Amino acid sequence: MTLNHKYIKQILISLRDNPAPSMDSYDLAKICGVDMNHIDELAFGKFVTQLRLLKDMACIDCPVDNLGFSQNINRHWIICRTTYRLSSQGHSFLDTENKNTLFNKGKAFFFSAFTEAGKRFLIQAITAIFIVVLATVAANAGLFKISSSHGLANLKNPKERGL
């Protein structure tokens, strides 16, 4: 299983926002949608794997080396109630994630703004080119009389066009 940033961020924020310095494993599991009394293998496996990854990255501390989860020879889970604490590395990880999120939001905003400004400029430029081309075609067809002294295009009256 790979690192799930959204899920890991949920775990880290839950530990950070907990009023006590550490959080009970069952309480954290409940926040993450895992019912420790009725184990759903998929949800429980995800929870344990992400906790182990956080421990590997030194983002959480636990008094029990196996984080309170082990499997017996028949691959049945043995669960010990324990506590988790957000380490200084975990705080740094959250700070980095928040800064990265703010940077990405700012980058997306400015990219969107510049893209919109670029679109407006491009539309104006294409419109101006279209008008010049249309006026040139109309002048060549004899529909306009272009006055070079004033830079103006005057529509010939129908009698001058031979209508």
N, C-alpha and C. Protein backbone atom coordinates (compact mmCIF):
# COMPACT_ATOMS: atom_id res chain seq x y z
N MET A 1 0.85 -1.17 0.00
CA MET A 1 0.00 0.00 0.00
C MET A 1 0.90 1.24 0.00
N THR A 2 0.51 2.25 -0.75
CA THR A 2 1.31 3.46 -0.85
C THR A 2 0.87 4.49 0.19
N LEU A 3 1.67 5.51 0.30
CA LEU A 3 1.39 6.61 1.21
C LEU A 3 0.16 7.36 0.72
N ASN A 4 -0.83 7.48 1.58
CA ASN A 4 -2.06 8.19 1.25
C ASN A 4 -2.01 9.53 1.99
N HIS A 5 -1.62 10.59 1.27
CA HIS A 5 -1.40 11.89 1.91
C HIS A 5 -2.63 12.42 2.62
N LYS A 6 -3.78 12.26 2.04
CA LYS A 6 -5.01 12.77 2.66
C LYS A 6 -5.28 12.05 3.97
N TYR A 7 -5.12 10.74 3.97
CA TYR A 7 -5.38 9.92 5.16
C TYR A 7 -4.34 10.22 6.24
N ILE A 8 -3.08 10.31 5.82
CA ILE A 8 -2.00 10.61 6.78
C ILE A 8 -2.20 12.00 7.38
N LYS A 9 -2.59 12.94 6.57
CA LYS A 9 -2.83 14.29 7.06
C LYS A 9 -3.96 14.29 8.09
N GLN A 10 -4.99 13.48 7.84
CA GLN A 10 -6.10 13.36 8.80
C GLN A 10 -5.59 12.82 10.14
N ILE A 11 -4.73 11.82 10.09
CA ILE A 11 -4.17 11.26 11.33
C ILE A 11 -3.34 12.31 12.06
N LEU A 12 -2.45 12.96 11.34
CA LEU A 12 -1.56 13.94 11.96
C LEU A 12 -2.33 15.12 12.54
N ILE A 13 -3.32 15.61 11.82
CA ILE A 13 -4.12 16.74 12.31
C ILE A 13 -4.91 16.32 13.55
N SER A 14 -5.43 15.09 13.55
CA SER A 14 -6.16 14.59 14.72
C SER A 14 -5.26 14.54 15.94
N LEU A 15 -4.02 14.08 15.76
CA LEU A 15 -3.07 14.03 16.87
C LEU A 15 -2.68 15.44 17.32
N ARG A 16 -2.47 16.34 16.37
CA ARG A 16 -2.08 17.72 16.71
C ARG A 16 -3.20 18.45 17.46
N ASP A 17 -4.43 18.26 17.00
CA ASP A 17 -5.56 19.00 17.58
C ASP A 17 -6.11 18.36 18.86
N ASN A 18 -5.61 17.21 19.21
CA ASN A 18 -6.05 16.55 20.45
C ASN A 18 -5.59 17.39 21.64
N PRO A 19 -6.48 17.66 22.61
CA PRO A 19 -6.07 18.51 23.74
C PRO A 19 -5.00 17.86 24.63
N ALA A 20 -4.97 16.54 24.69
CA ALA A 20 -3.97 15.83 25.49
C ALA A 20 -2.71 15.63 24.64
N PRO A 21 -1.57 15.41 25.27
CA PRO A 21 -0.33 15.23 24.50
C PRO A 21 -0.31 13.94 23.69
N SER A 22 -1.12 12.96 24.05
CA SER A 22 -1.19 11.72 23.28
C SER A 22 -2.66 11.32 23.12
N MET A 23 -2.89 10.42 22.17
CA MET A 23 -4.26 10.00 21.87
C MET A 23 -4.36 8.48 21.93
N ASP A 24 -5.46 8.02 22.46
CA ASP A 24 -5.74 6.59 22.55
C ASP A 24 -5.88 6.00 21.14
N SER A 25 -5.34 4.82 20.93
CA SER A 25 -5.38 4.18 19.61
C SER A 25 -6.80 3.93 19.13
N TYR A 26 -7.70 3.57 20.04
CA TYR A 26 -9.09 3.32 19.65
C TYR A 26 -9.79 4.62 19.22
N ASP A 27 -9.47 5.71 19.92
CA ASP A 27 -10.06 7.01 19.56
C ASP A 27 -9.58 7.47 18.18
N LEU A 28 -8.28 7.29 17.91
CA LEU A 28 -7.74 7.67 16.60
C LEU A 28 -8.34 6.80 15.51
N ALA A 29 -8.48 5.53 15.78
CA ALA A 29 -9.08 4.62 14.79
C ALA A 29 -10.51 5.06 14.47
N LYS A 30 -11.26 5.44 15.51
CA LYS A 30 -12.65 5.88 15.30
C LYS A 30 -12.70 7.14 14.43
N ILE A 31 -11.79 8.08 14.67
CA ILE A 31 -11.72 9.30 13.85
C ILE A 31 -11.45 8.95 12.39
N CYS A 32 -10.64 7.92 12.18
CA CYS A 32 -10.28 7.49 10.82
C CYS A 32 -11.30 6.53 10.22
N GLY A 33 -12.42 6.31 10.90
CA GLY A 33 -13.49 5.48 10.35
C GLY A 33 -13.29 3.98 10.58
N VAL A 34 -12.47 3.62 11.55
CA VAL A 34 -12.23 2.21 11.85
C VAL A 34 -12.87 1.88 13.19
N ASP A 35 -13.78 0.90 13.18
CA ASP A 35 -14.42 0.44 14.41
C ASP A 35 -13.60 -0.73 14.94
N MET A 36 -12.92 -0.51 16.05
CA MET A 36 -12.03 -1.54 16.61
C MET A 36 -12.80 -2.71 17.21
N ASN A 37 -14.10 -2.55 17.41
CA ASN A 37 -14.91 -3.64 17.96
C ASN A 37 -15.44 -4.56 16.86
N HIS A 38 -15.58 -4.05 15.66
CA HIS A 38 -16.04 -4.84 14.50
C HIS A 38 -15.10 -4.52 13.35
N ILE A 39 -14.04 -5.29 13.24
CA ILE A 39 -12.96 -5.00 12.29
C ILE A 39 -13.38 -5.26 10.85
N ASP A 40 -13.25 -4.21 10.04
CA ASP A 40 -13.36 -4.32 8.58
C ASP A 40 -11.92 -4.44 8.08
N GLU A 41 -11.56 -5.58 7.52
CA GLU A 41 -10.17 -5.87 7.15
C GLU A 41 -9.55 -4.79 6.27
N LEU A 42 -10.30 -4.30 5.29
CA LEU A 42 -9.74 -3.30 4.38
C LEU A 42 -9.46 -1.98 5.09
N ALA A 43 -10.45 -1.47 5.84
CA ALA A 43 -10.27 -0.20 6.56
C ALA A 43 -9.20 -0.34 7.64
N PHE A 44 -9.21 -1.46 8.35
CA PHE A 44 -8.23 -1.68 9.40
C PHE A 44 -6.83 -1.80 8.82
N GLY A 45 -6.69 -2.54 7.73
CA GLY A 45 -5.39 -2.68 7.07
C GLY A 45 -4.84 -1.34 6.61
N LYS A 46 -5.71 -0.51 6.08
CA LYS A 46 -5.29 0.83 5.64
C LYS A 46 -4.80 1.65 6.83
N PHE A 47 -5.56 1.60 7.92
CA PHE A 47 -5.22 2.35 9.14
C PHE A 47 -3.85 1.91 9.67
N VAL A 48 -3.65 0.61 9.82
CA VAL A 48 -2.39 0.08 10.35
C VAL A 48 -1.22 0.42 9.43
N THR A 49 -1.42 0.25 8.13
CA THR A 49 -0.34 0.53 7.17
C THR A 49 0.07 2.00 7.21
N GLN A 50 -0.90 2.91 7.23
CA GLN A 50 -0.57 4.33 7.25
C GLN A 50 0.11 4.72 8.57
N LEU A 51 -0.33 4.11 9.69
CA LEU A 51 0.34 4.37 10.97
C LEU A 51 1.79 3.88 10.92
N ARG A 52 2.00 2.71 10.34
CA ARG A 52 3.37 2.17 10.24
C ARG A 52 4.25 3.07 9.37
N LEU A 53 3.67 3.59 8.29
CA LEU A 53 4.44 4.51 7.45
C LEU A 53 4.79 5.78 8.21
N LEU A 54 3.83 6.28 9.00
CA LEU A 54 4.10 7.47 9.82
C LEU A 54 5.19 7.19 10.85
N LYS A 55 5.18 6.00 11.42
CA LYS A 55 6.23 5.62 12.38
C LYS A 55 7.58 5.53 11.67
N ASP A 56 7.59 4.95 10.47
CA ASP A 56 8.83 4.85 9.69
C ASP A 56 9.41 6.23 9.38
N MET A 57 8.54 7.21 9.18
CA MET A 57 8.98 8.57 8.88
C MET A 57 9.25 9.37 10.15
N ALA A 58 9.09 8.71 11.32
CA ALA A 58 9.30 9.33 12.63
C ALA A 58 8.32 10.49 12.89
N CYS A 59 7.14 10.40 12.32
CA CYS A 59 6.12 11.45 12.52
C CYS A 59 5.27 11.20 13.76
N ILE A 60 5.23 9.95 14.22
CA ILE A 60 4.48 9.64 15.43
C ILE A 60 5.36 8.82 16.37
N ASP A 61 5.05 8.95 17.66
CA ASP A 61 5.70 8.14 18.69
C ASP A 61 4.64 7.27 19.35
N CYS A 62 5.07 6.07 19.74
CA CYS A 62 4.18 5.14 20.42
C CYS A 62 5.02 4.36 21.44
N PRO A 63 4.50 4.15 22.66
CA PRO A 63 5.28 3.40 23.65
C PRO A 63 5.47 1.93 23.28
N VAL A 64 4.67 1.43 22.35
CA VAL A 64 4.76 0.04 21.92
C VAL A 64 5.37 0.02 20.52
N ASP A 65 6.41 -0.77 20.34
CA ASP A 65 7.14 -0.78 19.08
C ASP A 65 6.27 -1.18 17.88
N ASN A 66 5.33 -2.10 18.08
CA ASN A 66 4.49 -2.56 16.96
C ASN A 66 3.21 -1.74 16.80
N LEU A 67 3.16 -0.59 17.47
CA LEU A 67 2.02 0.33 17.43
C LEU A 67 0.73 -0.29 17.98
N GLY A 68 0.86 -1.43 18.65
CA GLY A 68 -0.31 -2.10 19.24
C GLY A 68 -0.97 -3.09 18.31
N PHE A 69 -0.33 -3.40 17.18
CA PHE A 69 -0.92 -4.32 16.21
C PHE A 69 0.10 -5.39 15.82
N SER A 70 -0.31 -6.62 15.94
CA SER A 70 0.52 -7.72 15.45
C SER A 70 -0.41 -8.82 14.95
N GLN A 71 0.17 -9.78 14.25
CA GLN A 71 -0.62 -10.89 13.74
C GLN A 71 -0.03 -12.20 14.25
N ASN A 72 -0.93 -13.14 14.57
CA ASN A 72 -0.45 -14.44 15.01
C ASN A 72 -0.14 -15.31 13.80
N ILE A 73 0.21 -16.54 14.05
CA ILE A 73 0.61 -17.45 12.97
C ILE A 73 -0.52 -17.71 11.97
N ASN A 74 -1.76 -17.58 12.41
CA ASN A 74 -2.93 -17.77 11.53
C ASN A 74 -3.34 -16.47 10.84
N ARG A 75 -2.52 -15.44 11.00
CA ARG A 75 -2.76 -14.12 10.40
C ARG A 75 -3.98 -13.42 10.98
N HIS A 76 -4.33 -13.75 12.21
CA HIS A 76 -5.38 -13.03 12.93
C HIS A 76 -4.73 -11.88 13.70
N TRP A 77 -5.41 -10.75 13.73
CA TRP A 77 -4.84 -9.57 14.38
C TRP A 77 -4.91 -9.70 15.89
N ILE A 78 -3.84 -9.30 16.53
CA ILE A 78 -3.79 -9.15 17.98
C ILE A 78 -3.65 -7.65 18.23
N ILE A 79 -4.63 -7.09 18.92
CA ILE A 79 -4.68 -5.63 19.09
C ILE A 79 -4.50 -5.29 20.56
N CYS A 80 -3.54 -4.42 20.85
CA CYS A 80 -3.31 -3.91 22.20
C CYS A 80 -3.62 -2.42 22.20
N ARG A 81 -4.41 -2.02 23.14
CA ARG A 81 -4.72 -0.60 23.25
C ARG A 81 -3.46 0.14 23.69
N THR A 82 -3.17 1.24 23.00
CA THR A 82 -1.97 2.03 23.30
C THR A 82 -2.26 3.50 23.01
N THR A 83 -1.23 4.30 22.99
CA THR A 83 -1.40 5.73 22.68
C THR A 83 -0.39 6.13 21.60
N TYR A 84 -0.74 7.23 20.91
CA TYR A 84 0.14 7.79 19.88
C TYR A 84 0.33 9.27 20.20
N ARG A 85 1.52 9.76 19.86
CA ARG A 85 1.85 11.16 20.06
C ARG A 85 2.47 11.70 18.79
N LEU A 86 2.13 12.92 18.45
CA LEU A 86 2.72 13.58 17.28
C LEU A 86 4.13 14.03 17.64
N SER A 87 5.12 13.58 16.89
CA SER A 87 6.51 13.95 17.16
C SER A 87 6.83 15.30 16.52
N SER A 88 8.03 15.80 16.81
CA SER A 88 8.43 17.07 16.20
C SER A 88 8.52 16.92 14.67
N GLN A 89 8.92 15.73 14.20
CA GLN A 89 8.95 15.45 12.76
C GLN A 89 7.54 15.51 12.18
N GLY A 90 6.55 15.03 12.94
CA GLY A 90 5.16 15.08 12.50
C GLY A 90 4.66 16.52 12.38
N HIS A 91 5.05 17.35 13.35
CA HIS A 91 4.69 18.78 13.28
C HIS A 91 5.33 19.42 12.05
N SER A 92 6.59 19.11 11.81
CA SER A 92 7.28 19.66 10.63
C SER A 92 6.62 19.19 9.34
N PHE A 93 6.23 17.92 9.30
CA PHE A 93 5.55 17.39 8.11
C PHE A 93 4.26 18.15 7.85
N LEU A 94 3.47 18.39 8.91
CA LEU A 94 2.21 19.14 8.75
C LEU A 94 2.48 20.57 8.29
N ASP A 95 3.50 21.21 8.88
CA ASP A 95 3.84 22.58 8.47
C ASP A 95 4.22 22.62 6.99
N THR A 96 5.02 21.66 6.57
CA THR A 96 5.43 21.58 5.16
C THR A 96 4.23 21.37 4.26
N GLU A 97 3.34 20.47 4.66
CA GLU A 97 2.13 20.21 3.87
C GLU A 97 1.27 21.46 3.77
N ASN A 98 1.11 22.19 4.88
CA ASN A 98 0.30 23.41 4.86
C ASN A 98 0.93 24.48 3.98
N LYS A 99 2.24 24.65 4.08
CA LYS A 99 2.92 25.65 3.25
C LYS A 99 2.81 25.26 1.78
N ASN A 100 2.98 23.98 1.52
CA ASN A 100 2.89 23.50 0.15
C ASN A 100 1.47 23.72 -0.39
N THR A 101 0.47 23.47 0.45
CA THR A 101 -0.92 23.67 0.03
C THR A 101 -1.17 25.15 -0.25
N LEU A 102 -0.71 26.03 0.64
CA LEU A 102 -0.90 27.47 0.42
C LEU A 102 -0.16 27.92 -0.84
N PHE A 103 1.05 27.41 -1.03
CA PHE A 103 1.82 27.76 -2.23
C PHE A 103 1.08 27.29 -3.48
N ASN A 104 0.60 26.06 -3.46
CA ASN A 104 -0.12 25.53 -4.63
C ASN A 104 -1.40 26.30 -4.90
N LYS A 105 -2.12 26.69 -3.83
CA LYS A 105 -3.34 27.48 -4.01
C LYS A 105 -3.01 28.84 -4.62
N GLY A 106 -1.93 29.48 -4.10
CA GLY A 106 -1.51 30.77 -4.65
C GLY A 106 -1.06 30.63 -6.09
N LYS A 107 -0.30 29.58 -6.36
CA LYS A 107 0.18 29.34 -7.72
C LYS A 107 -1.01 29.11 -8.66
N ALA A 108 -1.98 28.32 -8.22
CA ALA A 108 -3.16 28.04 -9.05
C ALA A 108 -3.95 29.32 -9.30
N PHE A 109 -4.08 30.18 -8.26
CA PHE A 109 -4.81 31.43 -8.42
C PHE A 109 -4.13 32.33 -9.46
N PHE A 110 -2.81 32.53 -9.31
CA PHE A 110 -2.10 33.41 -10.23
C PHE A 110 -2.06 32.82 -11.63
N PHE A 111 -1.90 31.51 -11.74
CA PHE A 111 -1.92 30.87 -13.05
C PHE A 111 -3.27 31.08 -13.72
N SER A 112 -4.34 30.92 -12.93
CA SER A 112 -5.69 31.11 -13.46
C SER A 112 -5.90 32.57 -13.88
N ALA A 113 -5.44 33.50 -13.04
CA ALA A 113 -5.60 34.92 -13.37
C ALA A 113 -4.82 35.28 -14.64
N PHE A 114 -3.57 34.81 -14.74
CA PHE A 114 -2.78 35.11 -15.94
C PHE A 114 -3.36 34.42 -17.16
N THR A 115 -3.89 33.23 -16.98
CA THR A 115 -4.52 32.52 -18.10
C THR A 115 -5.73 33.29 -18.61
N GLU A 116 -6.55 33.76 -17.68
CA GLU A 116 -7.73 34.55 -18.07
C GLU A 116 -7.31 35.84 -18.76
N ALA A 117 -6.30 36.52 -18.23
CA ALA A 117 -5.83 37.76 -18.86
C ALA A 117 -5.28 37.45 -20.26
N GLY A 118 -4.56 36.36 -20.37
CA GLY A 118 -4.03 35.95 -21.67
C GLY A 118 -5.13 35.63 -22.66
N LYS A 119 -6.18 34.97 -22.19
CA LYS A 119 -7.32 34.65 -23.06
C LYS A 119 -7.98 35.93 -23.57
N ARG A 120 -8.19 36.89 -22.63
CA ARG A 120 -8.82 38.16 -23.04
C ARG A 120 -7.95 38.88 -24.07
N PHE A 121 -6.64 38.94 -23.83
CA PHE A 121 -5.73 39.58 -24.77
C PHE A 121 -5.78 38.88 -26.12
N LEU A 122 -5.75 37.55 -26.10
CA LEU A 122 -5.77 36.78 -27.34
C LEU A 122 -7.08 37.01 -28.11
N ILE A 123 -8.18 37.05 -27.42
CA ILE A 123 -9.48 37.31 -28.07
C ILE A 123 -9.50 38.70 -28.69
N GLN A 124 -8.98 39.70 -27.96
CA GLN A 124 -8.92 41.05 -28.49
C GLN A 124 -8.01 41.12 -29.72
N ALA A 125 -6.87 40.45 -29.67
CA ALA A 125 -5.94 40.47 -30.80
C ALA A 125 -6.56 39.79 -32.02
N ILE A 126 -7.20 38.65 -31.81
CA ILE A 126 -7.84 37.93 -32.93
C ILE A 126 -8.98 38.76 -33.50
N THR A 127 -9.75 39.41 -32.63
CA THR A 127 -10.85 40.27 -33.09
C THR A 127 -10.30 41.42 -33.93
N ALA A 128 -9.23 42.05 -33.49
CA ALA A 128 -8.64 43.16 -34.24
C ALA A 128 -8.11 42.69 -35.59
N ILE A 129 -7.45 41.54 -35.60
CA ILE A 129 -6.95 40.98 -36.87
C ILE A 129 -8.11 40.65 -37.79
N PHE A 130 -9.17 40.08 -37.25
CA PHE A 130 -10.35 39.74 -38.04
C PHE A 130 -10.97 40.98 -38.66
N ILE A 131 -11.06 42.05 -37.88
CA ILE A 131 -11.64 43.30 -38.39
C ILE A 131 -10.79 43.86 -39.52
N VAL A 132 -9.47 43.84 -39.35
CA VAL A 132 -8.57 44.34 -40.39
C VAL A 132 -8.71 43.50 -41.66
N VAL A 133 -8.72 42.17 -41.51
CA VAL A 133 -8.86 41.29 -42.67
C VAL A 133 -10.21 41.51 -43.34
N LEU A 134 -11.27 41.61 -42.55
CA LEU A 134 -12.62 41.82 -43.10
C LEU A 134 -12.69 43.17 -43.83
N ALA A 135 -12.10 44.21 -43.25
CA ALA A 135 -12.11 45.53 -43.89
C ALA A 135 -11.32 45.49 -45.20
N THR A 136 -10.20 44.78 -45.21
CA THR A 136 -9.39 44.68 -46.42
C THR A 136 -10.15 43.94 -47.51
N VAL A 137 -10.80 42.84 -47.15
CA VAL A 137 -11.59 42.08 -48.13
C VAL A 137 -12.73 42.93 -48.65
N ALA A 138 -13.40 43.64 -47.74
CA ALA A 138 -14.52 44.49 -48.15
C ALA A 138 -14.03 45.63 -49.05
N ALA A 139 -12.89 46.20 -48.75
CA ALA A 139 -12.33 47.28 -49.57
C ALA A 139 -11.95 46.75 -50.95
N ASN A 140 -11.37 45.58 -50.99
CA ASN A 140 -11.00 44.98 -52.28
C ASN A 140 -12.23 44.61 -53.10
N ALA A 141 -13.33 44.34 -52.43
CA ALA A 141 -14.57 44.01 -53.14
C ALA A 141 -15.32 45.28 -53.55
N GLY A 142 -14.79 46.42 -53.15
CA GLY A 142 -15.42 47.68 -53.54
C GLY A 142 -16.53 48.12 -52.61
N LEU A 143 -16.65 47.51 -51.44
CA LEU A 143 -17.69 47.89 -50.49
C LEU A 143 -17.27 49.08 -49.63
N PHE A 144 -15.97 49.30 -49.48
CA PHE A 144 -15.45 50.39 -48.68
C PHE A 144 -14.53 51.26 -49.52
N LYS A 145 -14.50 52.51 -49.14
CA LYS A 145 -13.51 53.42 -49.70
C LYS A 145 -12.60 53.78 -48.54
N ILE A 146 -11.33 53.40 -48.62
CA ILE A 146 -10.42 53.65 -47.53
C ILE A 146 -9.71 54.96 -47.79
N SER A 147 -9.87 55.86 -46.82
CA SER A 147 -9.25 57.18 -46.93
C SER A 147 -7.93 57.12 -46.18
N SER A 148 -6.83 57.20 -46.91
CA SER A 148 -5.51 57.09 -46.28
C SER A 148 -5.18 58.36 -45.49
N SER A 149 -5.78 59.49 -45.82
CA SER A 149 -5.45 60.72 -45.11
C SER A 149 -6.01 60.72 -43.69
N HIS A 150 -7.16 60.07 -43.49
CA HIS A 150 -7.77 60.06 -42.16
C HIS A 150 -7.69 58.68 -41.52
N GLY A 151 -7.28 57.69 -42.25
CA GLY A 151 -7.22 56.34 -41.72
C GLY A 151 -8.59 55.77 -41.45
N LEU A 152 -9.60 56.26 -42.16
CA LEU A 152 -10.97 55.82 -41.92
C LEU A 152 -11.49 55.03 -43.10
N ALA A 153 -12.40 54.15 -42.83
CA ALA A 153 -13.06 53.38 -43.88
C ALA A 153 -14.48 53.92 -44.00
N ASN A 154 -14.86 54.33 -45.17
CA ASN A 154 -16.20 54.85 -45.40
C ASN A 154 -16.96 53.90 -46.31
N LEU A 155 -18.16 53.59 -45.92
CA LEU A 155 -19.00 52.70 -46.72
C LEU A 155 -19.52 53.48 -47.91
N LYS A 156 -19.30 52.92 -49.10
CA LYS A 156 -19.83 53.60 -50.30
C LYS A 156 -21.33 53.47 -50.28
N ASN A 157 -21.98 54.50 -50.84
CA ASN A 157 -23.43 54.39 -50.93
C ASN A 157 -23.79 53.43 -52.05
N PRO A 158 -25.00 52.91 -52.08
CA PRO A 158 -25.38 51.89 -53.06
C PRO A 158 -25.21 52.37 -54.50
N LYS A 159 -25.41 53.67 -54.82
CA LYS A 159 -25.26 54.17 -56.17
C LYS A 159 -23.81 54.09 -56.62
N GLU A 160 -22.85 54.38 -55.68
CA GLU A 160 -21.44 54.30 -56.03
C GLU A 160 -21.00 52.86 -56.28
N ARG A 161 -21.69 51.88 -55.66
CA ARG A 161 -21.35 50.47 -55.85
C ARG A 161 -22.01 49.91 -57.10
N GLY A 162 -22.81 50.68 -57.73
CA GLY A 162 -23.47 50.23 -58.94
C GLY A 162 -24.73 49.45 -58.69
N LEU A 163 -25.35 49.62 -57.54
CA LEU A 163 -26.59 48.92 -57.24
C LEU A 163 -27.79 49.72 -57.58
